[in-house]
Amino acid sequence: MTETQSSIDPRIDALVPSWLTLPDIAEELGVEVTRVRQLVKDGQLIAVRRGENRVLQVPAAFIGGGKIVKGLSGTLTLLKDDGFTDEEMLEWLFTPDDSLPGTPAQALRENRGTEVKRRAQALAV
């Protein structure tokens, strides 16, 4: 089997502590899988193909308390507007930032979205 662009970079795979499949997310959010696919298509979630079966998966850190982590979709929009690819966004979100402290993904989960968005906006300069 050959590598394709939609295979995740092993470095990024190593940065993300845990992943959920789209059906897992649908169950967590209390919605149909088609709705989760739409959230991915709309850019509110990032999904990548992983594993032997190349199943679409989303970082588990993006879901909490039965919903998408507050501030995530706005941050993803900012990064996309800055020209980031999905993999670059994942790398940025899961790379520790001493000024936060922790990773931007952790900061979003801790309701520190303003700080994360400020850093994302600074990337565009």
PDB file of N, CA and C in Angstrom:
ATOM      1  N   MET A   1       0.843  -1.182   0.000  1.00  0.00           N
ATOM      2  CA  MET A   1       0.000   0.000   0.000  1.00  0.00           C
ATOM      3  C   MET A   1       0.887   1.243   0.000  1.00  0.00           C
ATOM      4  N   THR A   2       0.576   2.196  -0.832  1.00  0.00           N
ATOM      5  CA  THR A   2       1.395   3.405  -0.902  1.00  0.00           C
ATOM      6  C   THR A   2       0.824   4.485  -0.001  1.00  0.00           C
ATOM      7  N   GLU A   3       1.714   5.351   0.450  1.00  0.00           N
ATOM      8  CA  GLU A   3       1.292   6.488   1.269  1.00  0.00           C
ATOM      9  C   GLU A   3       0.549   7.486   0.383  1.00  0.00           C
ATOM     10  N   THR A   4      -0.497   8.053   0.902  1.00  0.00           N
ATOM     11  CA  THR A   4      -1.195   9.112   0.182  1.00  0.00           C
ATOM     12  C   THR A   4      -1.153  10.359   1.038  1.00  0.00           C
ATOM     13  N   GLN A   5      -1.540  11.468   0.452  1.00  0.00           N
ATOM     14  CA  GLN A   5      -1.507  12.730   1.182  1.00  0.00           C
ATOM     15  C   GLN A   5      -2.401  12.717   2.415  1.00  0.00           C
ATOM     16  N   SER A   6      -3.470  11.945   2.383  1.00  0.00           N
ATOM     17  CA  SER A   6      -4.382  11.971   3.515  1.00  0.00           C
ATOM     18  C   SER A   6      -3.895  11.122   4.693  1.00  0.00           C
ATOM     19  N   SER A   7      -2.761  10.413   4.537  1.00  0.00           N
ATOM     20  CA  SER A   7      -2.181   9.709   5.684  1.00  0.00           C
ATOM     21  C   SER A   7      -1.532  10.738   6.595  1.00  0.00           C
ATOM     22  N   ILE A   8      -1.688  10.515   7.873  1.00  0.00           N
ATOM     23  CA  ILE A   8      -1.156  11.493   8.820  1.00  0.00           C
ATOM     24  C   ILE A   8       0.351  11.292   9.016  1.00  0.00           C
ATOM     25  N   ASP A   9       1.033  12.393   9.156  1.00  0.00           N
ATOM     26  CA  ASP A   9       2.470  12.399   9.421  1.00  0.00           C
ATOM     27  C   ASP A   9       2.705  11.759  10.796  1.00  0.00           C
ATOM     28  N   PRO A  10       3.631  10.813  10.900  1.00  0.00           N
ATOM     29  CA  PRO A  10       3.890  10.147  12.192  1.00  0.00           C
ATOM     30  C   PRO A  10       4.254  11.124  13.314  1.00  0.00           C
ATOM     31  N   ARG A  11       4.924  12.231  12.980  1.00  0.00           N
ATOM     32  CA  ARG A  11       5.278  13.222  14.022  1.00  0.00           C
ATOM     33  C   ARG A  11       4.014  13.813  14.641  1.00  0.00           C
ATOM     34  N   ILE A  12       3.047  14.142  13.781  1.00  0.00           N
ATOM     35  CA  ILE A  12       1.806  14.736  14.279  1.00  0.00           C
ATOM     36  C   ILE A  12       0.995  13.691  15.026  1.00  0.00           C
ATOM     37  N   ASP A  13       0.968  12.474  14.502  1.00  0.00           N
ATOM     38  CA  ASP A  13       0.261  11.392  15.173  1.00  0.00           C
ATOM     39  C   ASP A  13       0.803  11.227  16.595  1.00  0.00           C
ATOM     40  N   ALA A  14       2.104  11.371  16.762  1.00  0.00           N
ATOM     41  CA  ALA A  14       2.737  11.232  18.077  1.00  0.00           C
ATOM     42  C   ALA A  14       2.397  12.401  19.008  1.00  0.00           C
ATOM     43  N   LEU A  15       2.118  13.574  18.453  1.00  0.00           N
ATOM     44  CA  LEU A  15       1.787  14.747  19.278  1.00  0.00           C
ATOM     45  C   LEU A  15       0.398  14.633  19.905  1.00  0.00           C
ATOM     46  N   VAL A  16      -0.536  14.027  19.188  1.00  0.00           N
ATOM     47  CA  VAL A  16      -1.931  13.951  19.646  1.00  0.00           C
ATOM     48  C   VAL A  16      -2.074  12.736  20.567  1.00  0.00           C
ATOM     49  N   PRO A  17      -2.438  12.974  21.848  1.00  0.00           N
ATOM     50  CA  PRO A  17      -2.465  11.871  22.806  1.00  0.00           C
ATOM     51  C   PRO A  17      -3.526  10.800  22.528  1.00  0.00           C
ATOM     52  N   SER A  18      -4.713  11.203  22.067  1.00  0.00           N
ATOM     53  CA  SER A  18      -5.744  10.199  21.793  1.00  0.00           C
ATOM     54  C   SER A  18      -6.702  10.696  20.716  1.00  0.00           C
ATOM     55  N   TRP A  19      -7.324   9.730  20.070  1.00  0.00           N
ATOM     56  CA  TRP A  19      -8.183  10.004  18.910  1.00  0.00           C
ATOM     57  C   TRP A  19      -9.545   9.357  19.102  1.00  0.00           C
ATOM     58  N   LEU A  20     -10.547   9.917  18.421  1.00  0.00           N
ATOM     59  CA  LEU A  20     -11.889   9.337  18.406  1.00  0.00           C
ATOM     60  C   LEU A  20     -12.322   9.146  16.956  1.00  0.00           C
ATOM     61  N   THR A  21     -13.066   8.067  16.705  1.00  0.00           N
ATOM     62  CA  THR A  21     -13.631   7.875  15.371  1.00  0.00           C
ATOM     63  C   THR A  21     -14.885   8.745  15.248  1.00  0.00           C
ATOM     64  N   LEU A  22     -15.354   8.940  14.027  1.00  0.00           N
ATOM     65  CA  LEU A  22     -16.554   9.759  13.826  1.00  0.00           C
ATOM     66  C   LEU A  22     -17.771   9.176  14.547  1.00  0.00           C
ATOM     67  N   PRO A  23     -17.984   7.838  14.525  1.00  0.00           N
ATOM     68  CA  PRO A  23     -19.112   7.302  15.313  1.00  0.00           C
ATOM     69  C   PRO A  23     -18.975   7.571  16.810  1.00  0.00           C
ATOM     70  N   ASP A  24     -17.748   7.520  17.339  1.00  0.00           N
ATOM     71  CA  ASP A  24     -17.523   7.832  18.760  1.00  0.00           C
ATOM     72  C   ASP A  24     -17.936   9.272  19.063  1.00  0.00           C
ATOM     73  N   ILE A  25     -17.554  10.176  18.158  1.00  0.00           N
ATOM     74  CA  ILE A  25     -17.888  11.593  18.349  1.00  0.00           C
ATOM     75  C   ILE A  25     -19.390  11.799  18.250  1.00  0.00           C
ATOM     76  N   ALA A  26     -20.021  11.141  17.288  1.00  0.00           N
ATOM     77  CA  ALA A  26     -21.477  11.251  17.135  1.00  0.00           C
ATOM     78  C   ALA A  26     -22.171  10.840  18.433  1.00  0.00           C
ATOM     79  N   GLU A  27     -21.704   9.741  19.027  1.00  0.00           N
ATOM     80  CA  GLU A  27     -22.282   9.264  20.279  1.00  0.00           C
ATOM     81  C   GLU A  27     -22.053  10.283  21.401  1.00  0.00           C
ATOM     82  N   GLU A  28     -20.835  10.808  21.478  1.00  0.00           N
ATOM     83  CA  GLU A  28     -20.478  11.799  22.515  1.00  0.00           C
ATOM     84  C   GLU A  28     -21.324  13.072  22.387  1.00  0.00           C
ATOM     85  N   LEU A  29     -21.547  13.503  21.139  1.00  0.00           N
ATOM     86  CA  LEU A  29     -22.304  14.737  20.900  1.00  0.00           C
ATOM     87  C   LEU A  29     -23.815  14.500  20.847  1.00  0.00           C
ATOM     88  N   GLY A  30     -24.226  13.236  20.767  1.00  0.00           N
ATOM     89  CA  GLY A  30     -25.648  12.921  20.672  1.00  0.00           C
ATOM     90  C   GLY A  30     -26.243  13.296  19.323  1.00  0.00           C
ATOM     91  N   VAL A  31     -25.452  13.119  18.261  1.00  0.00           N
ATOM     92  CA  VAL A  31     -25.913  13.439  16.908  1.00  0.00           C
ATOM     93  C   VAL A  31     -25.623  12.253  15.977  1.00  0.00           C
ATOM     94  N   GLU A  32     -26.143  12.347  14.746  1.00  0.00           N
ATOM     95  CA  GLU A  32     -25.863  11.315  13.743  1.00  0.00           C
ATOM     96  C   GLU A  32     -24.443  11.481  13.205  1.00  0.00           C
ATOM     97  N   VAL A  33     -23.870  10.387  12.703  1.00  0.00           N
ATOM     98  CA  VAL A  33     -22.527  10.429  12.110  1.00  0.00           C
ATOM     99  C   VAL A  33     -22.488  11.410  10.939  1.00  0.00           C
ATOM    100  N   THR A  34     -23.589  11.512  10.194  1.00  0.00           N
ATOM    101  CA  THR A  34     -23.631  12.448   9.061  1.00  0.00           C
ATOM    102  C   THR A  34     -23.422  13.888   9.541  1.00  0.00           C
ATOM    103  N   ARG A  35     -23.910  14.213  10.726  1.00  0.00           N
ATOM    104  CA  ARG A  35     -23.722  15.554  11.293  1.00  0.00           C
ATOM    105  C   ARG A  35     -22.245  15.783  11.617  1.00  0.00           C
ATOM    106  N   VAL A  36     -21.566  14.764  12.135  1.00  0.00           N
ATOM    107  CA  VAL A  36     -20.138  14.879  12.446  1.00  0.00           C
ATOM    108  C   VAL A  36     -19.357  15.083  11.151  1.00  0.00           C
ATOM    109  N   ARG A  37     -19.720  14.332  10.107  1.00  0.00           N
ATOM    110  CA  ARG A  37     -19.067  14.514   8.801  1.00  0.00           C
ATOM    111  C   ARG A  37     -19.240  15.948   8.308  1.00  0.00           C
ATOM    112  N   GLN A  38     -20.433  16.513   8.526  1.00  0.00           N
ATOM    113  CA  GLN A  38     -20.692  17.894   8.118  1.00  0.00           C
ATOM    114  C   GLN A  38     -19.838  18.872   8.927  1.00  0.00           C
ATOM    115  N   LEU A  39     -19.656  18.615  10.208  1.00  0.00           N
ATOM    116  CA  LEU A  39     -18.805  19.466  11.053  1.00  0.00           C
ATOM    117  C   LEU A  39     -17.368  19.462  10.534  1.00  0.00           C
ATOM    118  N   VAL A  40     -16.903  18.289  10.090  1.00  0.00           N
ATOM    119  CA  VAL A  40     -15.555  18.178   9.516  1.00  0.00           C
ATOM    120  C   VAL A  40     -15.503  18.951   8.203  1.00  0.00           C
ATOM    121  N   LYS A  41     -16.508  18.737   7.365  1.00  0.00           N
ATOM    122  CA  LYS A  41     -16.564  19.411   6.057  1.00  0.00           C
ATOM    123  C   LYS A  41     -16.607  20.937   6.222  1.00  0.00           C
ATOM    124  N   ASP A  42     -17.332  21.399   7.240  1.00  0.00           N
ATOM    125  CA  ASP A  42     -17.469  22.836   7.502  1.00  0.00           C
ATOM    126  C   ASP A  42     -16.244  23.438   8.189  1.00  0.00           C
ATOM    127  N   GLY A  43     -15.268  22.603   8.548  1.00  0.00           N
ATOM    128  CA  GLY A  43     -14.054  23.106   9.177  1.00  0.00           C
ATOM    129  C   GLY A  43     -14.168  23.344  10.670  1.00  0.00           C
ATOM    130  N   GLN A  44     -15.212  22.809  11.302  1.00  0.00           N
ATOM    131  CA  GLN A  44     -15.351  22.970  12.748  1.00  0.00           C
ATOM    132  C   GLN A  44     -14.593  21.901  13.522  1.00  0.00           C
ATOM    133  N   LEU A  45     -14.235  20.833  12.817  1.00  0.00           N
ATOM    134  CA  LEU A  45     -13.401  19.763  13.373  1.00  0.00           C
ATOM    135  C   LEU A  45     -12.389  19.369  12.307  1.00  0.00           C
ATOM    136  N   ILE A  46     -11.252  18.837  12.739  1.00  0.00           N
ATOM    137  CA  ILE A  46     -10.259  18.296  11.803  1.00  0.00           C
ATOM    138  C   ILE A  46     -10.271  16.781  11.964  1.00  0.00           C
ATOM    139  N   ALA A  47     -10.431  16.076  10.843  1.00  0.00           N
ATOM    140  CA  ALA A  47     -10.365  14.617  10.848  1.00  0.00           C
ATOM    141  C   ALA A  47      -9.270  14.175   9.895  1.00  0.00           C
ATOM    142  N   VAL A  48      -8.524  13.163  10.296  1.00  0.00           N
ATOM    143  CA  VAL A  48      -7.469  12.606   9.444  1.00  0.00           C
ATOM    144  C   VAL A  48      -7.628  11.088   9.397  1.00  0.00           C
ATOM    145  N   ARG A  49      -7.098  10.504   8.340  1.00  0.00           N
ATOM    146  CA  ARG A  49      -7.149   9.047   8.203  1.00  0.00           C
ATOM    147  C   ARG A  49      -5.955   8.448   8.922  1.00  0.00           C
ATOM    148  N   ARG A  50      -6.250   7.498   9.827  1.00  0.00           N
ATOM    149  CA  ARG A  50      -5.213   6.875  10.643  1.00  0.00           C
ATOM    150  C   ARG A  50      -5.399   5.378  10.697  1.00  0.00           C
ATOM    151  N   GLY A  51      -4.310   4.721  11.069  1.00  0.00           N
ATOM    152  CA  GLY A  51      -4.361   3.299  11.348  1.00  0.00           C
ATOM    153  C   GLY A  51      -4.399   2.432  10.105  1.00  0.00           C
ATOM    154  N   GLU A  52      -4.422   1.135  10.354  1.00  0.00           N
ATOM    155  CA  GLU A  52      -4.386   0.151   9.286  1.00  0.00           C
ATOM    156  C   GLU A  52      -5.551   0.311   8.315  1.00  0.00           C
ATOM    157  N   ASN A  53      -6.727   0.572   8.858  1.00  0.00           N
ATOM    158  CA  ASN A  53      -7.925   0.689   8.012  1.00  0.00           C
ATOM    159  C   ASN A  53      -8.158   2.105   7.510  1.00  0.00           C
ATOM    160  N   ARG A  54      -7.266   3.016   7.877  1.00  0.00           N
ATOM    161  CA  ARG A  54      -7.333   4.411   7.447  1.00  0.00           C
ATOM    162  C   ARG A  54      -8.707   5.029   7.753  1.00  0.00           C
ATOM    163  N   VAL A  55      -9.125   4.816   8.983  1.00  0.00           N
ATOM    164  CA  VAL A  55     -10.405   5.325   9.454  1.00  0.00           C
ATOM    165  C   VAL A  55     -10.266   6.805   9.791  1.00  0.00           C
ATOM    166  N   LEU A  56     -11.280   7.601   9.440  1.00  0.00           N
ATOM    167  CA  LEU A  56     -11.257   9.020   9.799  1.00  0.00           C
ATOM    168  C   LEU A  56     -11.344   9.146  11.312  1.00  0.00           C
ATOM    169  N   GLN A  57     -10.414   9.935  11.881  1.00  0.00           N
ATOM    170  CA  GLN A  57     -10.404  10.143  13.325  1.00  0.00           C
ATOM    171  C   GLN A  57     -10.125  11.613  13.636  1.00  0.00           C
ATOM    172  N   VAL A  58     -10.620  12.023  14.794  1.00  0.00           N
ATOM    173  CA  VAL A  58     -10.504  13.401  15.275  1.00  0.00           C
ATOM    174  C   VAL A  58      -9.803  13.350  16.635  1.00  0.00           C
ATOM    175  N   PRO A  59      -8.910  14.314  16.925  1.00  0.00           N
ATOM    176  CA  PRO A  59      -8.297  14.332  18.262  1.00  0.00           C
ATOM    177  C   PRO A  59      -9.367  14.373  19.359  1.00  0.00           C
ATOM    178  N   ALA A  60      -9.239  13.490  20.340  1.00  0.00           N
ATOM    179  CA  ALA A  60     -10.206  13.429  21.441  1.00  0.00           C
ATOM    180  C   ALA A  60     -10.271  14.748  22.211  1.00  0.00           C
ATOM    181  N   ALA A  61      -9.175  15.498  22.219  1.00  0.00           N
ATOM    182  CA  ALA A  61      -9.121  16.772  22.955  1.00  0.00           C
ATOM    183  C   ALA A  61     -10.099  17.807  22.398  1.00  0.00           C
ATOM    184  N   PHE A  62     -10.618  17.579  21.197  1.00  0.00           N
ATOM    185  CA  PHE A  62     -11.541  18.534  20.575  1.00  0.00           C
ATOM    186  C   PHE A  62     -12.972  18.396  21.095  1.00  0.00           C
ATOM    187  N   ILE A  63     -13.242  17.320  21.858  1.00  0.00           N
ATOM    188  CA  ILE A  63     -14.585  17.047  22.356  1.00  0.00           C
ATOM    189  C   ILE A  63     -14.536  17.001  23.880  1.00  0.00           C
ATOM    190  N   GLY A  64     -15.477  17.668  24.520  1.00  0.00           N
ATOM    191  CA  GLY A  64     -15.530  17.642  25.974  1.00  0.00           C
ATOM    192  C   GLY A  64     -16.903  18.025  26.474  1.00  0.00           C
ATOM    193  N   GLY A  65     -17.388  17.330  27.476  1.00  0.00           N
ATOM    194  CA  GLY A  65     -18.685  17.647  28.054  1.00  0.00           C
ATOM    195  C   GLY A  65     -19.836  17.530  27.071  1.00  0.00           C
ATOM    196  N   GLY A  66     -19.724  16.595  26.138  1.00  0.00           N
ATOM    197  CA  GLY A  66     -20.812  16.383  25.186  1.00  0.00           C
ATOM    198  C   GLY A  66     -20.897  17.410  24.077  1.00  0.00           C
ATOM    199  N   LYS A  67     -19.836  18.192  23.894  1.00  0.00           N
ATOM    200  CA  LYS A  67     -19.838  19.167  22.790  1.00  0.00           C
ATOM    201  C   LYS A  67     -18.415  19.433  22.307  1.00  0.00           C
ATOM    202  N   ILE A  68     -18.340  20.163  21.189  1.00  0.00           N
ATOM    203  CA  ILE A  68     -17.039  20.569  20.670  1.00  0.00           C
ATOM    204  C   ILE A  68     -16.471  21.610  21.622  1.00  0.00           C
ATOM    205  N   VAL A  69     -15.190  21.500  21.922  1.00  0.00           N
ATOM    206  CA  VAL A  69     -14.542  22.425  22.854  1.00  0.00           C
ATOM    207  C   VAL A  69     -14.740  23.866  22.384  1.00  0.00           C
ATOM    208  N   LYS A  70     -15.154  24.702  23.325  1.00  0.00           N
ATOM    209  CA  LYS A  70     -15.412  26.114  23.042  1.00  0.00           C
ATOM    210  C   LYS A  70     -14.151  26.792  22.477  1.00  0.00           C
ATOM    211  N   GLY A  71     -14.343  27.556  21.415  1.00  0.00           N
ATOM    212  CA  GLY A  71     -13.242  28.298  20.823  1.00  0.00           C
ATOM    213  C   GLY A  71     -12.488  27.542  19.740  1.00  0.00           C
ATOM    214  N   LEU A  72     -12.741  26.224  19.613  1.00  0.00           N
ATOM    215  CA  LEU A  72     -12.005  25.437  18.625  1.00  0.00           C
ATOM    216  C   LEU A  72     -12.309  25.876  17.199  1.00  0.00           C
ATOM    217  N   SER A  73     -13.587  25.977  16.852  1.00  0.00           N
ATOM    218  CA  SER A  73     -13.900  26.284  15.449  1.00  0.00           C
ATOM    219  C   SER A  73     -13.392  27.668  15.052  1.00  0.00           C
ATOM    220  N   GLY A  74     -13.452  28.632  15.949  1.00  0.00           N
ATOM    221  CA  GLY A  74     -12.920  29.964  15.652  1.00  0.00           C
ATOM    222  C   GLY A  74     -11.412  29.939  15.457  1.00  0.00           C
ATOM    223  N   THR A  75     -10.735  29.133  16.285  1.00  0.00           N
ATOM    224  CA  THR A  75      -9.280  28.998  16.155  1.00  0.00           C
ATOM    225  C   THR A  75      -8.930  28.328  14.830  1.00  0.00           C
ATOM    226  N   LEU A  76      -9.671  27.269  14.477  1.00  0.00           N
ATOM    227  CA  LEU A  76      -9.420  26.579  13.203  1.00  0.00           C
ATOM    228  C   LEU A  76      -9.621  27.527  12.023  1.00  0.00           C
ATOM    229  N   THR A  77     -10.645  28.373  12.104  1.00  0.00           N
ATOM    230  CA  THR A  77     -10.903  29.349  11.032  1.00  0.00           C
ATOM    231  C   THR A  77      -9.738  30.320  10.900  1.00  0.00           C
ATOM    232  N   LEU A  78      -9.251  30.827  12.035  1.00  0.00           N
ATOM    233  CA  LEU A  78      -8.103  31.743  12.010  1.00  0.00           C
ATOM    234  C   LEU A  78      -6.886  31.082  11.369  1.00  0.00           C
ATOM    235  N   LEU A  79      -6.595  29.857  11.773  1.00  0.00           N
ATOM    236  CA  LEU A  79      -5.427  29.157  11.245  1.00  0.00           C
ATOM    237  C   LEU A  79      -5.592  28.876   9.747  1.00  0.00           C
ATOM    238  N   LYS A  80      -6.800  28.479   9.354  1.00  0.00           N
ATOM    239  CA  LYS A  80      -7.057  28.204   7.932  1.00  0.00           C
ATOM    240  C   LYS A  80      -6.877  29.488   7.119  1.00  0.00           C
ATOM    241  N   ASP A  81      -7.379  30.601   7.663  1.00  0.00           N
ATOM    242  CA  ASP A  81      -7.221  31.903   6.993  1.00  0.00           C
ATOM    243  C   ASP A  81      -5.752  32.298   6.882  1.00  0.00           C
ATOM    244  N   ASP A  82      -4.923  31.807   7.809  1.00  0.00           N
ATOM    245  CA  ASP A  82      -3.474  32.067   7.772  1.00  0.00           C
ATOM    246  C   ASP A  82      -2.761  31.146   6.783  1.00  0.00           C
ATOM    247  N   GLY A  83      -3.522  30.230   6.146  1.00  0.00           N
ATOM    248  CA  GLY A  83      -2.935  29.347   5.150  1.00  0.00           C
ATOM    249  C   GLY A  83      -2.448  28.012   5.691  1.00  0.00           C
ATOM    250  N   PHE A  84      -2.823  27.676   6.924  1.00  0.00           N
ATOM    251  CA  PHE A  84      -2.412  26.408   7.524  1.00  0.00           C
ATOM    252  C   PHE A  84      -3.167  25.243   6.885  1.00  0.00           C
ATOM    253  N   THR A  85      -2.472  24.128   6.681  1.00  0.00           N
ATOM    254  CA  THR A  85      -3.131  22.889   6.265  1.00  0.00           C
ATOM    255  C   THR A  85      -3.676  22.226   7.528  1.00  0.00           C
ATOM    256  N   ASP A  86      -4.500  21.198   7.360  1.00  0.00           N
ATOM    257  CA  ASP A  86      -5.027  20.479   8.532  1.00  0.00           C
ATOM    258  C   ASP A  86      -3.896  19.944   9.400  1.00  0.00           C
ATOM    259  N   GLU A  87      -2.883  19.365   8.760  1.00  0.00           N
ATOM    260  CA  GLU A  87      -1.764  18.817   9.545  1.00  0.00           C
ATOM    261  C   GLU A  87      -1.009  19.917  10.279  1.00  0.00           C
ATOM    262  N   GLU A  88      -0.804  21.050   9.629  1.00  0.00           N
ATOM    263  CA  GLU A  88      -0.114  22.168  10.296  1.00  0.00           C
ATOM    264  C   GLU A  88      -0.935  22.680  11.472  1.00  0.00           C
ATOM    265  N   MET A  89      -2.260  22.700  11.315  1.00  0.00           N
ATOM    266  CA  MET A  89      -3.123  23.122  12.420  1.00  0.00           C
ATOM    267  C   MET A  89      -2.999  22.152  13.589  1.00  0.00           C
ATOM    268  N   LEU A  90      -3.015  20.849  13.300  1.00  0.00           N
ATOM    269  CA  LEU A  90      -2.863  19.855  14.369  1.00  0.00           C
ATOM    270  C   LEU A  90      -1.517  20.009  15.059  1.00  0.00           C
ATOM    271  N   GLU A  91      -0.468  20.200  14.261  1.00  0.00           N
ATOM    272  CA  GLU A  91       0.860  20.364  14.840  1.00  0.00           C
ATOM    273  C   GLU A  91       0.888  21.580  15.762  1.00  0.00           C
ATOM    274  N   TRP A  92       0.331  22.696  15.328  1.00  0.00           N
ATOM    275  CA  TRP A  92       0.319  23.916  16.134  1.00  0.00           C
ATOM    276  C   TRP A  92      -0.509  23.715  17.413  1.00  0.00           C
ATOM    277  N   LEU A  93      -1.684  23.097  17.270  1.00  0.00           N
ATOM    278  CA  LEU A  93      -2.578  22.914  18.413  1.00  0.00           C
ATOM    279  C   LEU A  93      -2.018  21.973  19.483  1.00  0.00           C
ATOM    280  N   PHE A  94      -1.166  21.016  19.060  1.00  0.00           N
ATOM    281  CA  PHE A  94      -0.678  20.009  20.010  1.00  0.00           C
ATOM    282  C   PHE A  94       0.806  20.142  20.336  1.00  0.00           C
ATOM    283  N   THR A  95       1.434  21.245  19.922  1.00  0.00           N
ATOM    284  CA  THR A  95       2.828  21.494  20.278  1.00  0.00           C
ATOM    285  C   THR A  95       2.851  22.392  21.514  1.00  0.00           C
ATOM    286  N   PRO A  96       3.556  21.983  22.569  1.00  0.00           N
ATOM    287  CA  PRO A  96       3.606  22.801  23.786  1.00  0.00           C
ATOM    288  C   PRO A  96       4.100  24.221  23.514  1.00  0.00           C
ATOM    289  N   ASP A  97       3.448  25.169  24.175  1.00  0.00           N
ATOM    290  CA  ASP A  97       3.786  26.580  24.057  1.00  0.00           C
ATOM    291  C   ASP A  97       4.022  27.093  25.478  1.00  0.00           C
ATOM    292  N   ASP A  98       5.285  27.374  25.801  1.00  0.00           N
ATOM    293  CA  ASP A  98       5.633  27.790  27.158  1.00  0.00           C
ATOM    294  C   ASP A  98       4.893  29.047  27.595  1.00  0.00           C
ATOM    295  N   SER A  99       4.498  29.885  26.649  1.00  0.00           N
ATOM    296  CA  SER A  99       3.823  31.124  27.020  1.00  0.00           C
ATOM    297  C   SER A  99       2.359  30.888  27.402  1.00  0.00           C
ATOM    298  N   LEU A 100       1.819  29.679  27.169  1.00  0.00           N
ATOM    299  CA  LEU A 100       0.400  29.459  27.508  1.00  0.00           C
ATOM    300  C   LEU A 100       0.169  29.099  28.981  1.00  0.00           C
ATOM    301  N   PRO A 101       0.732  28.252  29.662  1.00  0.00           N
ATOM    302  CA  PRO A 101       1.589  27.113  29.328  1.00  0.00           C
ATOM    303  C   PRO A 101       0.748  25.937  28.836  1.00  0.00           C
ATOM    304  N   GLY A 102       1.433  24.900  28.337  1.00  0.00           N
ATOM    305  CA  GLY A 102       0.756  23.739  27.773  1.00  0.00           C
ATOM    306  C   GLY A 102       0.603  23.899  26.273  1.00  0.00           C
ATOM    307  N   THR A 103      -0.285  23.109  25.693  1.00  0.00           N
ATOM    308  CA  THR A 103      -0.536  23.209  24.260  1.00  0.00           C
ATOM    309  C   THR A 103      -1.760  24.080  24.033  1.00  0.00           C
ATOM    310  N   PRO A 104      -1.894  24.661  22.838  1.00  0.00           N
ATOM    311  CA  PRO A 104      -3.120  25.409  22.536  1.00  0.00           C
ATOM    312  C   PRO A 104      -4.380  24.550  22.721  1.00  0.00           C
ATOM    313  N   ALA A 105      -4.301  23.255  22.373  1.00  0.00           N
ATOM    314  CA  ALA A 105      -5.466  22.371  22.553  1.00  0.00           C
ATOM    315  C   ALA A 105      -5.843  22.265  24.032  1.00  0.00           C
ATOM    316  N   GLN A 106      -4.843  22.157  24.913  1.00  0.00           N
ATOM    317  CA  GLN A 106      -5.116  22.101  26.357  1.00  0.00           C
ATOM    318  C   GLN A 106      -5.741  23.416  26.819  1.00  0.00           C
ATOM    319  N   ALA A 107      -5.197  24.524  26.341  1.00  0.00           N
ATOM    320  CA  ALA A 107      -5.707  25.838  26.739  1.00  0.00           C
ATOM    321  C   ALA A 107      -7.174  25.994  26.334  1.00  0.00           C
ATOM    322  N   LEU A 108      -7.534  25.519  25.141  1.00  0.00           N
ATOM    323  CA  LEU A 108      -8.935  25.586  24.713  1.00  0.00           C
ATOM    324  C   LEU A 108      -9.815  24.770  25.657  1.00  0.00           C
ATOM    325  N   ARG A 109      -9.357  23.583  26.033  1.00  0.00           N
ATOM    326  CA  ARG A 109     -10.132  22.723  26.945  1.00  0.00           C
ATOM    327  C   ARG A 109     -10.294  23.377  28.314  1.00  0.00           C
ATOM    328  N   GLU A 110      -9.332  24.225  28.684  1.00  0.00           N
ATOM    329  CA  GLU A 110      -9.369  24.907  29.988  1.00  0.00           C
ATOM    330  C   GLU A 110     -10.033  26.281  29.876  1.00  0.00           C
ATOM    331  N   ASN A 111     -10.754  26.500  28.789  1.00  0.00           N
ATOM    332  CA  ASN A 111     -11.506  27.735  28.568  1.00  0.00           C
ATOM    333  C   ASN A 111     -10.602  28.964  28.503  1.00  0.00           C
ATOM    334  N   ARG A 112      -9.416  28.787  27.908  1.00  0.00           N
ATOM    335  CA  ARG A 112      -8.500  29.906  27.711  1.00  0.00           C
ATOM    336  C   ARG A 112      -8.400  30.220  26.218  1.00  0.00           C
ATOM    337  N   GLY A 113      -9.538  30.198  25.549  1.00  0.00           N
ATOM    338  CA  GLY A 113      -9.603  30.398  24.104  1.00  0.00           C
ATOM    339  C   GLY A 113      -9.104  31.753  23.636  1.00  0.00           C
ATOM    340  N   THR A 114      -9.304  32.778  24.453  1.00  0.00           N
ATOM    341  CA  THR A 114      -8.852  34.123  24.073  1.00  0.00           C
ATOM    342  C   THR A 114      -7.347  34.142  23.861  1.00  0.00           C
ATOM    343  N   GLU A 115      -6.626  33.498  24.775  1.00  0.00           N
ATOM    344  CA  GLU A 115      -5.167  33.432  24.663  1.00  0.00           C
ATOM    345  C   GLU A 115      -4.745  32.671  23.403  1.00  0.00           C
ATOM    346  N   VAL A 116      -5.434  31.574  23.132  1.00  0.00           N
ATOM    347  CA  VAL A 116      -5.113  30.752  21.960  1.00  0.00           C
ATOM    348  C   VAL A 116      -5.370  31.549  20.679  1.00  0.00           C
ATOM    349  N   LYS A 117      -6.514  32.213  20.619  1.00  0.00           N
ATOM    350  CA  LYS A 117      -6.847  32.994  19.415  1.00  0.00           C
ATOM    351  C   LYS A 117      -5.854  34.136  19.217  1.00  0.00           C
ATOM    352  N   ARG A 118      -5.422  34.750  20.310  1.00  0.00           N
ATOM    353  CA  ARG A 118      -4.441  35.828  20.210  1.00  0.00           C
ATOM    354  C   ARG A 118      -3.156  35.318  19.553  1.00  0.00           C
ATOM    355  N   ARG A 119      -2.726  34.130  19.965  1.00  0.00           N
ATOM    356  CA  ARG A 119      -1.511  33.543  19.377  1.00  0.00           C
ATOM    357  C   ARG A 119      -1.728  33.155  17.914  1.00  0.00           C
ATOM    358  N   ALA A 120      -2.903  32.634  17.616  1.00  0.00           N
ATOM    359  CA  ALA A 120      -3.218  32.259  16.230  1.00  0.00           C
ATOM    360  C   ALA A 120      -3.219  33.499  15.332  1.00  0.00           C
ATOM    361  N   GLN A 121      -3.788  34.599  15.837  1.00  0.00           N
ATOM    362  CA  GLN A 121      -3.804  35.848  15.062  1.00  0.00           C
ATOM    363  C   GLN A 121      -2.392  36.385  14.847  1.00  0.00           C
ATOM    364  N   ALA A 122      -1.538  36.221  15.849  1.00  0.00           N
ATOM    365  CA  ALA A 122      -0.164  36.713  15.748  1.00  0.00           C
ATOM    366  C   ALA A 122       0.623  35.980  14.650  1.00  0.00           C
ATOM    367  N   LEU A 123       0.208  34.755  14.344  1.00  0.00           N
ATOM    368  CA  LEU A 123       0.889  33.975  13.310  1.00  0.00           C
ATOM    369  C   LEU A 123       0.710  34.613  11.928  1.00  0.00           C
ATOM    370  N   ALA A 124      -0.374  35.354  11.761  1.00  0.00           N
ATOM    371  CA  ALA A 124      -0.693  35.936  10.455  1.00  0.00           C
ATOM    372  C   ALA A 124       0.157  37.150  10.134  1.00  0.00           C
ATOM    373  N   VAL A 125       0.778  37.722  11.146  1.00  0.00           N
ATOM    374  CA  VAL A 125       1.538  38.964  10.958  1.00  0.00           C
ATOM    375  C   VAL A 125       2.781  38.768  10.100  1.00  0.00           C
TER     376      VAL A 125
END
